[in-house]
Protein backbone atom coordinates (compact mmCIF):
# COMPACT_ATOMS: atom_id res chain seq x y z
CA MET A 1 200.04 60.99 85.98
CA THR A 2 200.38 58.75 89.44
CA ALA A 3 202.87 58.39 91.72
CA ALA A 4 204.97 55.39 91.25
CA GLY A 5 202.90 52.64 92.58
CA SER A 6 200.00 54.30 93.30
CA THR A 7 196.66 52.62 91.95
CA ALA A 8 194.26 55.82 92.27
CA PRO A 9 192.84 56.64 89.33
CA GLU A 10 193.13 59.88 88.36
CA THR A 11 190.24 62.44 88.72
CA PRO A 12 190.68 66.51 87.31
CA VAL A 13 191.22 68.90 89.66
CA SER A 14 189.34 71.98 89.41
CA ALA A 15 190.57 75.54 90.22
CA PHE A 16 189.93 76.78 93.59
CA PRO A 17 187.76 80.29 93.27
CA TRP A 18 189.78 82.48 94.60
CA ASP A 19 188.08 85.23 92.62
CA ALA A 20 185.18 84.82 94.18
CA VAL A 21 186.09 84.22 97.65
CA LEU A 22 187.92 87.75 97.53
CA ALA A 23 185.09 89.57 96.36
CA LEU A 24 182.55 87.84 98.91
CA GLY A 25 185.61 88.30 102.13
CA LEU A 26 186.48 91.76 100.97
CA SER A 27 183.41 93.32 99.37
CA THR A 28 180.52 91.61 100.18
CA LEU A 29 180.96 90.97 103.48
CA ARG A 30 183.45 93.91 104.28
CA TRP A 31 185.74 91.89 105.93
CA ARG A 32 189.91 93.25 106.19
CA PRO A 33 192.33 91.27 104.58
CA ARG A 34 193.87 90.00 107.60
CA ASP A 35 190.38 88.75 109.00
CA LEU A 36 189.39 87.17 105.65
CA TRP A 37 192.60 85.13 105.24
CA ALA A 38 192.40 84.10 109.58
CA ALA A 39 188.72 82.18 108.58
CA THR A 40 188.16 79.42 108.30
CA PRO A 41 186.75 77.38 104.88
CA ARG A 42 183.64 76.62 107.60
CA GLU A 43 183.76 80.16 109.07
CA LEU A 44 183.68 81.95 105.34
CA ALA A 45 180.71 79.22 104.36
CA ALA A 46 178.96 80.57 107.03
CA ALA A 47 178.98 84.20 107.02
CA ALA A 48 177.93 83.47 103.24
CA GLY A 49 175.08 82.03 104.32
CA LEU A 50 175.82 78.37 102.85
CA ILE A 51 175.59 76.43 106.39
CA ARG A 52 172.11 76.84 107.92
CA PRO A 53 170.81 75.24 111.20
CA ARG A 54 169.26 72.36 111.11
CA PRO A 55 165.56 72.58 112.01
CA ASP A 56 164.55 70.70 115.49
CA ALA A 57 163.48 67.18 114.59
CA LEU A 58 159.70 66.89 115.39
CA ALA A 59 158.36 65.69 119.05
CA ARG A 60 156.48 62.57 119.63
CA ALA A 61 153.10 64.37 120.59
CA ASP A 62 153.49 66.34 117.29
CA LEU A 63 153.98 63.36 115.10
CA ASP A 64 150.73 61.30 117.12
CA ARG A 65 148.84 64.70 116.43
CA LEU A 66 149.89 64.62 112.87
CA LEU A 67 149.09 60.78 112.25
CA ALA A 68 145.76 61.36 113.95
CA ALA A 69 145.01 64.27 111.27
CA HIS A 70 145.97 62.54 108.40
CA PRO A 71 145.76 58.80 108.93
CA ASP A 72 146.66 56.18 105.94
CA PRO A 73 144.06 55.24 103.25
CA GLU A 74 142.95 51.37 103.87
CA ALA A 75 143.93 49.06 101.70
CA PRO A 76 141.71 47.78 99.28
CA ARG A 77 140.49 44.15 100.42
């Protein structure tokens, strides 16, 4: 049911995986309960290895070397 006057469509809400979060924080990571409850979702995701650092962008000189080593084939005439 939507709120009175709301035009937003209803979408199913999935339950938060509390059992998995508790198992990860308390068993796998071995955090104290107060540390688990104080953590933000982003901190928990990072500790779980779900957030990976982005690799550095390719430098222009490296791109030029790659383009020289692997040129595009010429179009047929």
